[in-house]
Each structure stands twice: as structure tokens, then as C-alpha cells.
Amino acid sequence: MPDRSDLPQGTLDLLILHVIAAGAIHGYGIAQRLQQISRDVVQVPQGSLYPALHRLENRGLLTADWKLSDTGRESKFYRLTAKGRRQLKDEEASWLRLTEAIGLILKTAGGAP
């Protein structure tokens, strides 16, 4: 089983926005989806997830409605706003530029081209 990974600062917001972009989903579903997609490497504790969701909602990137979940319990389902979609696009582009640059640096680490 892969080791769990601590996320770099700011990455959680990007991942949350990305998962929600696929459609309305509740908090527990977001955590499960991230864990599933990452093959158990990304495991987001509730103490990190829900403050991030509230922060994103307060910034106008998410909107939420209370609905019944598959278990029959009331859950808050999150959706991206238009502002959230723009933010996701910007953050994804920035992340891709950064990871490409890091990859280039790692390939030449130690001075070997």
C-alpha cells in the first residue's frame, strides 16, 4: 500500500475544485473520490476538508445546497460557481507550469543534463 502523502500548501483547494467540477458532491464524497483516484495516497482528514470547503464557499468559488444523500441523511452538496470554474482553470494552468518546471529541475539535478 502506498504511503500517505502530505499535500503542499494550496494544493487541497485545487483538488477540491477539480473533484467538484465533475458535478455536485458532498464533503465525504469529495474525500472518498480523492482517496480513490489517488489510490489511497491522498487522504484528507475532515479537520482539513471542511474548513477548506467553507473557505472556498466564502470566497464565492462554491455554492452549496442541503439534499438527501444516498444514505438518506441530509448532506451539503457543493457545486462550482462561474468564479470557481475560472479559478480552477487558472490554478490548473499554474500547477501544470510549476510541475513541468520542477520536472526540468529534477532531470538536471546535480548538474547532469
PDB file of N, CA and C in Angstrom:
ATOM      1  N   MET A   1       0.851  -1.178   0.000  1.00  0.00           N
ATOM      2  CA  MET A   1       0.000   0.000   0.000  1.00  0.00           C
ATOM      3  C   MET A   1       0.895   1.240   0.000  1.00  0.00           C
ATOM      4  N   PRO A   2       0.599   2.245  -0.856  1.00  0.00           N
ATOM      5  CA  PRO A   2       1.435   3.434  -0.921  1.00  0.00           C
ATOM      6  C   PRO A   2       1.387   4.216   0.375  1.00  0.00           C
ATOM      7  N   ASP A   3       2.468   4.942   0.650  1.00  0.00           N
ATOM      8  CA  ASP A   3       2.485   5.817   1.810  1.00  0.00           C
ATOM      9  C   ASP A   3       1.524   6.972   1.567  1.00  0.00           C
ATOM     10  N   ARG A   4       0.934   7.459   2.661  1.00  0.00           N
ATOM     11  CA  ARG A   4       0.105   8.655   2.551  1.00  0.00           C
ATOM     12  C   ARG A   4       1.004   9.844   2.311  1.00  0.00           C
ATOM     13  N   SER A   5       0.483  10.839   1.651  1.00  0.00           N
ATOM     14  CA  SER A   5       1.285  11.997   1.296  1.00  0.00           C
ATOM     15  C   SER A   5       0.671  13.265   1.862  1.00  0.00           C
ATOM     16  N   ASP A   6       1.516  14.110   2.469  1.00  0.00           N
ATOM     17  CA  ASP A   6       1.057  15.427   2.884  1.00  0.00           C
ATOM     18  C   ASP A   6       1.014  16.306   1.645  1.00  0.00           C
ATOM     19  N   LEU A   7      -0.061  17.057   1.502  1.00  0.00           N
ATOM     20  CA  LEU A   7      -0.226  17.903   0.325  1.00  0.00           C
ATOM     21  C   LEU A   7       0.527  19.211   0.503  1.00  0.00           C
ATOM     22  N   PRO A   8       1.195  19.676  -0.547  1.00  0.00           N
ATOM     23  CA  PRO A   8       1.820  21.007  -0.484  1.00  0.00           C
ATOM     24  C   PRO A   8       0.753  22.073  -0.233  1.00  0.00           C
ATOM     25  N   GLN A   9       1.141  23.150   0.420  1.00  0.00           N
ATOM     26  CA  GLN A   9       0.234  24.262   0.733  1.00  0.00           C
ATOM     27  C   GLN A   9      -0.520  24.712  -0.513  1.00  0.00           C
ATOM     28  N   GLY A  10      -1.830  24.854  -0.396  1.00  0.00           N
ATOM     29  CA  GLY A  10      -2.647  25.342  -1.504  1.00  0.00           C
ATOM     30  C   GLY A  10      -3.151  24.265  -2.449  1.00  0.00           C
ATOM     31  N   THR A  11      -2.599  23.069  -2.359  1.00  0.00           N
ATOM     32  CA  THR A  11      -2.992  22.006  -3.287  1.00  0.00           C
ATOM     33  C   THR A  11      -4.386  21.471  -3.000  1.00  0.00           C
ATOM     34  N   LEU A  12      -4.774  21.429  -1.736  1.00  0.00           N
ATOM     35  CA  LEU A  12      -6.075  20.873  -1.377  1.00  0.00           C
ATOM     36  C   LEU A  12      -7.202  21.636  -2.070  1.00  0.00           C
ATOM     37  N   ASP A  13      -7.120  22.963  -2.095  1.00  0.00           N
ATOM     38  CA  ASP A  13      -8.172  23.749  -2.745  1.00  0.00           C
ATOM     39  C   ASP A  13      -8.302  23.369  -4.220  1.00  0.00           C
ATOM     40  N   LEU A  14      -7.178  23.243  -4.902  1.00  0.00           N
ATOM     41  CA  LEU A  14      -7.184  22.848  -6.314  1.00  0.00           C
ATOM     42  C   LEU A  14      -7.852  21.482  -6.489  1.00  0.00           C
ATOM     43  N   LEU A  15      -7.493  20.527  -5.657  1.00  0.00           N
ATOM     44  CA  LEU A  15      -8.054  19.178  -5.782  1.00  0.00           C
ATOM     45  C   LEU A  15      -9.552  19.163  -5.497  1.00  0.00           C
ATOM     46  N   ILE A  16      -9.977  19.918  -4.503  1.00  0.00           N
ATOM     47  CA  ILE A  16     -11.403  20.014  -4.182  1.00  0.00           C
ATOM     48  C   ILE A  16     -12.168  20.605  -5.365  1.00  0.00           C
ATOM     49  N   LEU A  17     -11.677  21.716  -5.902  1.00  0.00           N
ATOM     50  CA  LEU A  17     -12.345  22.341  -7.047  1.00  0.00           C
ATOM     51  C   LEU A  17     -12.422  21.379  -8.224  1.00  0.00           C
ATOM     52  N   HIS A  18     -11.358  20.640  -8.447  1.00  0.00           N
ATOM     53  CA  HIS A  18     -11.321  19.693  -9.567  1.00  0.00           C
ATOM     54  C   HIS A  18     -12.370  18.587  -9.405  1.00  0.00           C
ATOM     55  N   VAL A  19     -12.483  18.044  -8.214  1.00  0.00           N
ATOM     56  CA  VAL A  19     -13.468  16.976  -7.972  1.00  0.00           C
ATOM     57  C   VAL A  19     -14.886  17.522  -8.120  1.00  0.00           C
ATOM     58  N   ILE A  20     -15.138  18.698  -7.588  1.00  0.00           N
ATOM     59  CA  ILE A  20     -16.483  19.272  -7.643  1.00  0.00           C
ATOM     60  C   ILE A  20     -16.860  19.661  -9.077  1.00  0.00           C
ATOM     61  N   ALA A  21     -15.872  19.946  -9.910  1.00  0.00           N
ATOM     62  CA  ALA A  21     -16.153  20.324 -11.303  1.00  0.00           C
ATOM     63  C   ALA A  21     -16.917  19.229 -12.042  1.00  0.00           C
ATOM     64  N   ALA A  22     -16.786  17.984 -11.598  1.00  0.00           N
ATOM     65  CA  ALA A  22     -17.476  16.870 -12.253  1.00  0.00           C
ATOM     66  C   ALA A  22     -18.966  16.837 -11.926  1.00  0.00           C
ATOM     67  N   GLY A  23     -19.388  17.583 -10.901  1.00  0.00           N
ATOM     68  CA  GLY A  23     -20.797  17.611 -10.525  1.00  0.00           C
ATOM     69  C   GLY A  23     -20.965  17.759  -9.028  1.00  0.00           C
ATOM     70  N   ALA A  24     -22.168  18.122  -8.618  1.00  0.00           N
ATOM     71  CA  ALA A  24     -22.461  18.349  -7.202  1.00  0.00           C
ATOM     72  C   ALA A  24     -22.106  17.116  -6.376  1.00  0.00           C
ATOM     73  N   ILE A  25     -21.453  17.361  -5.246  1.00  0.00           N
ATOM     74  CA  ILE A  25     -20.979  16.269  -4.403  1.00  0.00           C
ATOM     75  C   ILE A  25     -20.862  16.769  -2.962  1.00  0.00           C
ATOM     76  N   HIS A  26     -21.077  15.870  -2.005  1.00  0.00           N
ATOM     77  CA  HIS A  26     -20.974  16.252  -0.595  1.00  0.00           C
ATOM     78  C   HIS A  26     -19.539  16.041  -0.101  1.00  0.00           C
ATOM     79  N   GLY A  27     -19.243  16.611   1.055  1.00  0.00           N
ATOM     80  CA  GLY A  27     -17.889  16.587   1.586  1.00  0.00           C
ATOM     81  C   GLY A  27     -17.285  15.207   1.705  1.00  0.00           C
ATOM     82  N   TYR A  28     -18.019  14.276   2.293  1.00  0.00           N
ATOM     83  CA  TYR A  28     -17.494  12.914   2.442  1.00  0.00           C
ATOM     84  C   TYR A  28     -17.200  12.308   1.073  1.00  0.00           C
ATOM     85  N   GLY A  29     -18.056  12.595   0.092  1.00  0.00           N
ATOM     86  CA  GLY A  29     -17.843  12.095  -1.266  1.00  0.00           C
ATOM     87  C   GLY A  29     -16.577  12.658  -1.894  1.00  0.00           C
ATOM     88  N   ILE A  30     -16.276  13.927  -1.581  1.00  0.00           N
ATOM     89  CA  ILE A  30     -15.048  14.546  -2.088  1.00  0.00           C
ATOM     90  C   ILE A  30     -13.837  13.810  -1.531  1.00  0.00           C
ATOM     91  N   ALA A  31     -13.833  13.586  -0.228  1.00  0.00           N
ATOM     92  CA  ALA A  31     -12.713  12.886   0.422  1.00  0.00           C
ATOM     93  C   ALA A  31     -12.555  11.477  -0.147  1.00  0.00           C
ATOM     94  N   GLN A  32     -13.659  10.772  -0.332  1.00  0.00           N
ATOM     95  CA  GLN A  32     -13.615   9.408  -0.880  1.00  0.00           C
ATOM     96  C   GLN A  32     -13.081   9.409  -2.312  1.00  0.00           C
ATOM     97  N   ARG A  33     -13.537  10.368  -3.104  1.00  0.00           N
ATOM     98  CA  ARG A  33     -13.113  10.447  -4.507  1.00  0.00           C
ATOM     99  C   ARG A  33     -11.610  10.728  -4.607  1.00  0.00           C
ATOM    100  N   LEU A  34     -11.111  11.657  -3.798  1.00  0.00           N
ATOM    101  CA  LEU A  34      -9.679  11.959  -3.806  1.00  0.00           C
ATOM    102  C   LEU A  34      -8.861  10.734  -3.406  1.00  0.00           C
ATOM    103  N   GLN A  35      -9.326  10.025  -2.400  1.00  0.00           N
ATOM    104  CA  GLN A  35      -8.622   8.824  -1.949  1.00  0.00           C
ATOM    105  C   GLN A  35      -8.652   7.750  -3.029  1.00  0.00           C
ATOM    106  N   GLN A  36      -9.807   7.577  -3.664  1.00  0.00           N
ATOM    107  CA  GLN A  36      -9.962   6.566  -4.715  1.00  0.00           C
ATOM    108  C   GLN A  36      -9.083   6.870  -5.923  1.00  0.00           C
ATOM    109  N   ILE A  37      -9.169   8.090  -6.430  1.00  0.00           N
ATOM    110  CA  ILE A  37      -8.407   8.463  -7.627  1.00  0.00           C
ATOM    111  C   ILE A  37      -6.908   8.351  -7.380  1.00  0.00           C
ATOM    112  N   SER A  38      -6.469   8.737  -6.179  1.00  0.00           N
ATOM    113  CA  SER A  38      -5.035   8.743  -5.861  1.00  0.00           C
ATOM    114  C   SER A  38      -4.520   7.386  -5.398  1.00  0.00           C
ATOM    115  N   ARG A  39      -5.372   6.389  -5.424  1.00  0.00           N
ATOM    116  CA  ARG A  39      -5.013   5.046  -4.956  1.00  0.00           C
ATOM    117  C   ARG A  39      -4.520   5.074  -3.511  1.00  0.00           C
ATOM    118  N   ASP A  40      -5.266   5.776  -2.675  1.00  0.00           N
ATOM    119  CA  ASP A  40      -5.045   5.876  -1.233  1.00  0.00           C
ATOM    120  C   ASP A  40      -3.861   6.743  -0.819  1.00  0.00           C
ATOM    121  N   VAL A  41      -3.232   7.451  -1.759  1.00  0.00           N
ATOM    122  CA  VAL A  41      -2.119   8.328  -1.388  1.00  0.00           C
ATOM    123  C   VAL A  41      -2.648   9.617  -0.768  1.00  0.00           C
ATOM    124  N   VAL A  42      -3.713  10.179  -1.353  1.00  0.00           N
ATOM    125  CA  VAL A  42      -4.304  11.411  -0.831  1.00  0.00           C
ATOM    126  C   VAL A  42      -5.474  11.044   0.068  1.00  0.00           C
ATOM    127  N   GLN A  43      -5.288  11.272   1.360  1.00  0.00           N
ATOM    128  CA  GLN A  43      -6.341  11.033   2.340  1.00  0.00           C
ATOM    129  C   GLN A  43      -6.521  12.330   3.117  1.00  0.00           C
ATOM    130  N   VAL A  44      -7.675  12.956   2.922  1.00  0.00           N
ATOM    131  CA  VAL A  44      -7.919  14.267   3.502  1.00  0.00           C
ATOM    132  C   VAL A  44      -8.764  14.117   4.763  1.00  0.00           C
ATOM    133  N   PRO A  45      -8.210  14.473   5.912  1.00  0.00           N
ATOM    134  CA  PRO A  45      -8.996  14.392   7.142  1.00  0.00           C
ATOM    135  C   PRO A  45     -10.097  15.450   7.170  1.00  0.00           C
ATOM    136  N   GLN A  46     -11.174  15.145   7.883  1.00  0.00           N
ATOM    137  CA  GLN A  46     -12.294  16.084   7.976  1.00  0.00           C
ATOM    138  C   GLN A  46     -11.847  17.432   8.513  1.00  0.00           C
ATOM    139  N   GLY A  47     -10.874  17.431   9.404  1.00  0.00           N
ATOM    140  CA  GLY A  47     -10.376  18.666  10.001  1.00  0.00           C
ATOM    141  C   GLY A  47      -9.676  19.574   8.999  1.00  0.00           C
ATOM    142  N   SER A  48      -9.318  19.044   7.846  1.00  0.00           N
ATOM    143  CA  SER A  48      -8.742  19.855   6.765  1.00  0.00           C
ATOM    144  C   SER A  48      -9.773  20.126   5.676  1.00  0.00           C
ATOM    145  N   LEU A  49     -10.595  19.119   5.381  1.00  0.00           N
ATOM    146  CA  LEU A  49     -11.547  19.218   4.275  1.00  0.00           C
ATOM    147  C   LEU A  49     -12.630  20.271   4.518  1.00  0.00           C
ATOM    148  N   TYR A  50     -13.302  20.195   5.651  1.00  0.00           N
ATOM    149  CA  TYR A  50     -14.447  21.084   5.862  1.00  0.00           C
ATOM    150  C   TYR A  50     -14.054  22.550   6.018  1.00  0.00           C
ATOM    151  N   PRO A  51     -12.941  22.864   6.694  1.00  0.00           N
ATOM    152  CA  PRO A  51     -12.512  24.274   6.684  1.00  0.00           C
ATOM    153  C   PRO A  51     -12.177  24.764   5.265  1.00  0.00           C
ATOM    154  N   ALA A  52     -11.600  23.898   4.443  1.00  0.00           N
ATOM    155  CA  ALA A  52     -11.289  24.271   3.052  1.00  0.00           C
ATOM    156  C   ALA A  52     -12.579  24.518   2.276  1.00  0.00           C
ATOM    157  N   LEU A  53     -13.574  23.657   2.441  1.00  0.00           N
ATOM    158  CA  LEU A  53     -14.857  23.846   1.758  1.00  0.00           C
ATOM    159  C   LEU A  53     -15.506  25.166   2.179  1.00  0.00           C
ATOM    160  N   HIS A  54     -15.474  25.470   3.474  1.00  0.00           N
ATOM    161  CA  HIS A  54     -16.073  26.720   3.963  1.00  0.00           C
ATOM    162  C   HIS A  54     -15.315  27.924   3.412  1.00  0.00           C
ATOM    163  N   ARG A  55     -13.996  27.823   3.359  1.00  0.00           N
ATOM    164  CA  ARG A  55     -13.173  28.906   2.816  1.00  0.00           C
ATOM    165  C   ARG A  55     -13.512  29.154   1.334  1.00  0.00           C
ATOM    166  N   LEU A  56     -13.603  28.070   0.560  1.00  0.00           N
ATOM    167  CA  LEU A  56     -13.925  28.182  -0.863  1.00  0.00           C
ATOM    168  C   LEU A  56     -15.332  28.739  -1.072  1.00  0.00           C
ATOM    169  N   GLU A  57     -16.246  28.337  -0.213  1.00  0.00           N
ATOM    170  CA  GLU A  57     -17.624  28.844  -0.301  1.00  0.00           C
ATOM    171  C   GLU A  57     -17.638  30.337   0.045  1.00  0.00           C
ATOM    172  N   ASN A  58     -16.903  30.739   1.077  1.00  0.00           N
ATOM    173  CA  ASN A  58     -16.848  32.152   1.474  1.00  0.00           C
ATOM    174  C   ASN A  58     -16.195  33.024   0.408  1.00  0.00           C
ATOM    175  N   ARG A  59     -15.294  32.445  -0.367  1.00  0.00           N
ATOM    176  CA  ARG A  59     -14.627  33.186  -1.449  1.00  0.00           C
ATOM    177  C   ARG A  59     -15.493  33.250  -2.707  1.00  0.00           C
ATOM    178  N   GLY A  60     -16.660  32.603  -2.682  1.00  0.00           N
ATOM    179  CA  GLY A  60     -17.571  32.630  -3.820  1.00  0.00           C
ATOM    180  C   GLY A  60     -17.213  31.647  -4.918  1.00  0.00           C
ATOM    181  N   LEU A  61     -16.340  30.675  -4.604  1.00  0.00           N
ATOM    182  CA  LEU A  61     -15.935  29.687  -5.601  1.00  0.00           C
ATOM    183  C   LEU A  61     -16.864  28.478  -5.616  1.00  0.00           C
ATOM    184  N   LEU A  62     -17.568  28.279  -4.518  1.00  0.00           N
ATOM    185  CA  LEU A  62     -18.519  27.170  -4.382  1.00  0.00           C
ATOM    186  C   LEU A  62     -19.855  27.707  -3.913  1.00  0.00           C
ATOM    187  N   THR A  63     -20.887  26.973  -4.246  1.00  0.00           N
ATOM    188  CA  THR A  63     -22.200  27.196  -3.664  1.00  0.00           C
ATOM    189  C   THR A  63     -22.668  25.835  -3.171  1.00  0.00           C
ATOM    190  N   ALA A  64     -23.586  25.827  -2.223  1.00  0.00           N
ATOM    191  CA  ALA A  64     -23.993  24.546  -1.653  1.00  0.00           C
ATOM    192  C   ALA A  64     -25.482  24.532  -1.346  1.00  0.00           C
ATOM    193  N   ASP A  65     -26.057  23.336  -1.428  1.00  0.00           N
ATOM    194  CA  ASP A  65     -27.464  23.106  -1.094  1.00  0.00           C
ATOM    195  C   ASP A  65     -27.551  21.867  -0.225  1.00  0.00           C
ATOM    196  N   TRP A  66     -28.478  21.890   0.709  1.00  0.00           N
ATOM    197  CA  TRP A  66     -28.714  20.706   1.537  1.00  0.00           C
ATOM    198  C   TRP A  66     -29.664  19.773   0.799  1.00  0.00           C
ATOM    199  N   LYS A  67     -29.252  18.502   0.669  1.00  0.00           N
ATOM    200  CA  LYS A  67     -30.069  17.484  -0.004  1.00  0.00           C
ATOM    201  C   LYS A  67     -29.876  16.161   0.716  1.00  0.00           C
ATOM    202  N   LEU A  68     -30.737  15.206   0.387  1.00  0.00           N
ATOM    203  CA  LEU A  68     -30.578  13.861   0.940  1.00  0.00           C
ATOM    204  C   LEU A  68     -29.478  13.130   0.184  1.00  0.00           C
ATOM    205  N   SER A  69     -28.576  12.515   0.917  1.00  0.00           N
ATOM    206  CA  SER A  69     -27.515  11.727   0.287  1.00  0.00           C
ATOM    207  C   SER A  69     -28.027  10.314   0.023  1.00  0.00           C
ATOM    208  N   ASP A  70     -27.179   9.480  -0.547  1.00  0.00           N
ATOM    209  CA  ASP A  70     -27.537   8.085  -0.833  1.00  0.00           C
ATOM    210  C   ASP A  70     -27.900   7.326   0.437  1.00  0.00           C
ATOM    211  N   THR A  71     -27.364   7.775   1.574  1.00  0.00           N
ATOM    212  CA  THR A  71     -27.637   7.097   2.843  1.00  0.00           C
ATOM    213  C   THR A  71     -28.930   7.583   3.492  1.00  0.00           C
ATOM    214  N   GLY A  72     -29.581   8.581   2.852  1.00  0.00           N
ATOM    215  CA  GLY A  72     -30.824   9.099   3.395  1.00  0.00           C
ATOM    216  C   GLY A  72     -30.628  10.218   4.410  1.00  0.00           C
ATOM    217  N   ARG A  73     -29.378  10.620   4.624  1.00  0.00           N
ATOM    218  CA  ARG A  73     -29.088  11.706   5.557  1.00  0.00           C
ATOM    219  C   ARG A  73     -28.972  13.022   4.790  1.00  0.00           C
ATOM    220  N   GLU A  74     -29.303  14.118   5.458  1.00  0.00           N
ATOM    221  CA  GLU A  74     -29.136  15.437   4.853  1.00  0.00           C
ATOM    222  C   GLU A  74     -27.653  15.737   4.766  1.00  0.00           C
ATOM    223  N   SER A  75     -27.212  16.122   3.590  1.00  0.00           N
ATOM    224  CA  SER A  75     -25.815  16.472   3.378  1.00  0.00           C
ATOM    225  C   SER A  75     -25.737  17.741   2.546  1.00  0.00           C
ATOM    226  N   LYS A  76     -24.663  18.466   2.740  1.00  0.00           N
ATOM    227  CA  LYS A  76     -24.435  19.688   1.981  1.00  0.00           C
ATOM    228  C   LYS A  76     -23.713  19.310   0.693  1.00  0.00           C
ATOM    229  N   PHE A  77     -24.352  19.558  -0.445  1.00  0.00           N
ATOM    230  CA  PHE A  77     -23.785  19.240  -1.746  1.00  0.00           C
ATOM    231  C   PHE A  77     -23.205  20.519  -2.357  1.00  0.00           C
ATOM    232  N   TYR A  78     -21.942  20.431  -2.748  1.00  0.00           N
ATOM    233  CA  TYR A  78     -21.213  21.585  -3.261  1.00  0.00           C
ATOM    234  C   TYR A  78     -21.170  21.576  -4.784  1.00  0.00           C
ATOM    235  N   ARG A  79     -21.244  22.776  -5.369  1.00  0.00           N
ATOM    236  CA  ARG A  79     -21.113  22.967  -6.808  1.00  0.00           C
ATOM    237  C   ARG A  79     -20.189  24.151  -7.047  1.00  0.00           C
ATOM    238  N   LEU A  80     -19.513  24.139  -8.196  1.00  0.00           N
ATOM    239  CA  LEU A  80     -18.672  25.283  -8.559  1.00  0.00           C
ATOM    240  C   LEU A  80     -19.546  26.425  -9.052  1.00  0.00           C
ATOM    241  N   THR A  81     -19.144  27.635  -8.724  1.00  0.00           N
ATOM    242  CA  THR A  81     -19.763  28.817  -9.304  1.00  0.00           C
ATOM    243  C   THR A  81     -18.974  29.157 -10.576  1.00  0.00           C
ATOM    244  N   ALA A  82     -19.439  30.136 -11.333  1.00  0.00           N
ATOM    245  CA  ALA A  82     -18.689  30.580 -12.521  1.00  0.00           C
ATOM    246  C   ALA A  82     -17.303  31.064 -12.094  1.00  0.00           C
ATOM    247  N   LYS A  83     -17.252  31.776 -10.979  1.00  0.00           N
ATOM    248  CA  LYS A  83     -15.967  32.246 -10.438  1.00  0.00           C
ATOM    249  C   LYS A  83     -15.083  31.058 -10.070  1.00  0.00           C
ATOM    250  N   GLY A  84     -15.685  30.008  -9.518  1.00  0.00           N
ATOM    251  CA  GLY A  84     -14.949  28.798  -9.154  1.00  0.00           C
ATOM    252  C   GLY A  84     -14.378  28.092 -10.373  1.00  0.00           C
ATOM    253  N   ARG A  85     -15.126  28.062 -11.458  1.00  0.00           N
ATOM    254  CA  ARG A  85     -14.630  27.445 -12.705  1.00  0.00           C
ATOM    255  C   ARG A  85     -13.435  28.213 -13.256  1.00  0.00           C
ATOM    256  N   ARG A  86     -13.510  29.538 -13.215  1.00  0.00           N
ATOM    257  CA  ARG A  86     -12.379  30.357 -13.677  1.00  0.00           C
ATOM    258  C   ARG A  86     -11.153  30.130 -12.787  1.00  0.00           C
ATOM    259  N   GLN A  87     -11.382  30.089 -11.473  1.00  0.00           N
ATOM    260  CA  GLN A  87     -10.287  29.869 -10.530  1.00  0.00           C
ATOM    261  C   GLN A  87      -9.649  28.506 -10.762  1.00  0.00           C
ATOM    262  N   LEU A  88     -10.463  27.483 -10.981  1.00  0.00           N
ATOM    263  CA  LEU A  88      -9.955  26.139 -11.244  1.00  0.00           C
ATOM    264  C   LEU A  88      -9.082  26.143 -12.494  1.00  0.00           C
ATOM    265  N   LYS A  89      -9.549  26.770 -13.551  1.00  0.00           N
ATOM    266  CA  LYS A  89      -8.787  26.828 -14.803  1.00  0.00           C
ATOM    267  C   LYS A  89      -7.435  27.505 -14.571  1.00  0.00           C
ATOM    268  N   ASP A  90      -7.450  28.625 -13.852  1.00  0.00           N
ATOM    269  CA  ASP A  90      -6.209  29.357 -13.566  1.00  0.00           C
ATOM    270  C   ASP A  90      -5.258  28.528 -12.706  1.00  0.00           C
ATOM    271  N   GLU A  91      -5.797  27.894 -11.653  1.00  0.00           N
ATOM    272  CA  GLU A  91      -4.957  27.115 -10.744  1.00  0.00           C
ATOM    273  C   GLU A  91      -4.392  25.870 -11.424  1.00  0.00           C
ATOM    274  N   GLU A  92      -5.189  25.226 -12.287  1.00  0.00           N
ATOM    275  CA  GLU A  92      -4.688  24.055 -13.013  1.00  0.00           C
ATOM    276  C   GLU A  92      -3.543  24.450 -13.936  1.00  0.00           C
ATOM    277  N   ALA A  93      -3.689  25.574 -14.642  1.00  0.00           N
ATOM    278  CA  ALA A  93      -2.628  26.040 -15.544  1.00  0.00           C
ATOM    279  C   ALA A  93      -1.364  26.361 -14.756  1.00  0.00           C
ATOM    280  N   SER A  94      -1.514  27.021 -13.630  1.00  0.00           N
ATOM    281  CA  SER A  94      -0.379  27.370 -12.787  1.00  0.00           C
ATOM    282  C   SER A  94       0.308  26.113 -12.254  1.00  0.00           C
ATOM    283  N   TRP A  95      -0.497  25.148 -11.805  1.00  0.00           N
ATOM    284  CA  TRP A  95       0.053  23.888 -11.275  1.00  0.00           C
ATOM    285  C   TRP A  95       0.830  23.141 -12.352  1.00  0.00           C
ATOM    286  N   LEU A  96       0.286  23.091 -13.565  1.00  0.00           N
ATOM    287  CA  LEU A  96       0.970  22.395 -14.653  1.00  0.00           C
ATOM    288  C   LEU A  96       2.296  23.063 -15.005  1.00  0.00           C
ATOM    289  N   ARG A  97       2.326  24.409 -15.018  1.00  0.00           N
ATOM    290  CA  ARG A  97       3.584  25.127 -15.269  1.00  0.00           C
ATOM    291  C   ARG A  97       4.607  24.809 -14.178  1.00  0.00           C
ATOM    292  N   LEU A  98       4.158  24.827 -12.924  1.00  0.00           N
ATOM    293  CA  LEU A  98       5.059  24.568 -11.808  1.00  0.00           C
ATOM    294  C   LEU A  98       5.603  23.146 -11.836  1.00  0.00           C
ATOM    295  N   THR A  99       4.746  22.159 -12.053  1.00  0.00           N
ATOM    296  CA  THR A  99       5.214  20.771 -12.053  1.00  0.00           C
ATOM    297  C   THR A  99       6.135  20.497 -13.234  1.00  0.00           C
ATOM    298  N   GLU A 100       5.879  21.151 -14.366  1.00  0.00           N
ATOM    299  CA  GLU A 100       6.773  20.992 -15.508  1.00  0.00           C
ATOM    300  C   GLU A 100       8.148  21.575 -15.179  1.00  0.00           C
ATOM    301  N   ALA A 101       8.169  22.738 -14.553  1.00  0.00           N
ATOM    302  CA  ALA A 101       9.438  23.374 -14.179  1.00  0.00           C
ATOM    303  C   ALA A 101      10.191  22.522 -13.157  1.00  0.00           C
ATOM    304  N   ILE A 102       9.475  21.976 -12.175  1.00  0.00           N
ATOM    305  CA  ILE A 102      10.117  21.118 -11.177  1.00  0.00           C
ATOM    306  C   ILE A 102      10.682  19.878 -11.851  1.00  0.00           C
ATOM    307  N   GLY A 103       9.935  19.303 -12.782  1.00  0.00           N
ATOM    308  CA  GLY A 103      10.417  18.133 -13.519  1.00  0.00           C
ATOM    309  C   GLY A 103      11.705  18.434 -14.264  1.00  0.00           C
ATOM    310  N   LEU A 104      11.788  19.609 -14.880  1.00  0.00           N
ATOM    311  CA  LEU A 104      13.008  20.001 -15.583  1.00  0.00           C
ATOM    312  C   LEU A 104      14.188  20.123 -14.614  1.00  0.00           C
ATOM    313  N   ILE A 105      13.933  20.725 -13.460  1.00  0.00           N
ATOM    314  CA  ILE A 105      14.988  20.886 -12.453  1.00  0.00           C
ATOM    315  C   ILE A 105      15.467  19.529 -11.963  1.00  0.00           C
ATOM    316  N   LEU A 106      14.531  18.614 -11.676  1.00  0.00           N
ATOM    317  CA  LEU A 106      14.911  17.293 -11.176  1.00  0.00           C
ATOM    318  C   LEU A 106      15.693  16.492 -12.196  1.00  0.00           C
ATOM    319  N   LYS A 107      15.384  16.673 -13.463  1.00  0.00           N
ATOM    320  CA  LYS A 107      16.117  15.961 -14.528  1.00  0.00           C
ATOM    321  C   LYS A 107      17.557  16.421 -14.625  1.00  0.00           C
ATOM    322  N   THR A 108      17.817  17.683 -14.208  1.00  0.00           N
ATOM    323  CA  THR A 108      19.168  18.211 -14.302  1.00  0.00           C
ATOM    324  C   THR A 108      19.822  18.354 -12.927  1.00  0.00           C
ATOM    325  N   ALA A 109      19.234  17.755 -11.910  1.00  0.00           N
ATOM    326  CA  ALA A 109      19.785  17.848 -10.550  1.00  0.00           C
ATOM    327  C   ALA A 109      21.209  17.305 -10.523  1.00  0.00           C
ATOM    328  N   GLY A 110      22.047  17.939  -9.766  1.00  0.00           N
ATOM    329  CA  GLY A 110      23.434  17.513  -9.660  1.00  0.00           C
ATOM    330  C   GLY A 110      24.267  17.951 -10.847  1.00  0.00           C
ATOM    331  N   GLY A 111      23.698  18.785 -11.705  1.00  0.00           N
ATOM    332  CA  GLY A 111      24.445  19.310 -12.841  1.00  0.00           C
ATOM    333  C   GLY A 111      24.495  18.392 -14.038  1.00  0.00           C
ATOM    334  N   ALA A 112      23.885  17.214 -13.934  1.00  0.00           N
ATOM    335  CA  ALA A 112      23.925  16.277 -15.082  1.00  0.00           C
ATOM    336  C   ALA A 112      22.739  16.561 -15.993  1.00  0.00           C
ATOM    337  N   PRO A 113      23.009  16.990 -17.236  1.00  0.00           N
ATOM    338  CA  PRO A 113      21.904  17.294 -18.160  1.00  0.00           C
ATOM    339  C   PRO A 113      21.162  16.055 -18.631  1.00  0.00           C
TER     340      PRO A 113
END
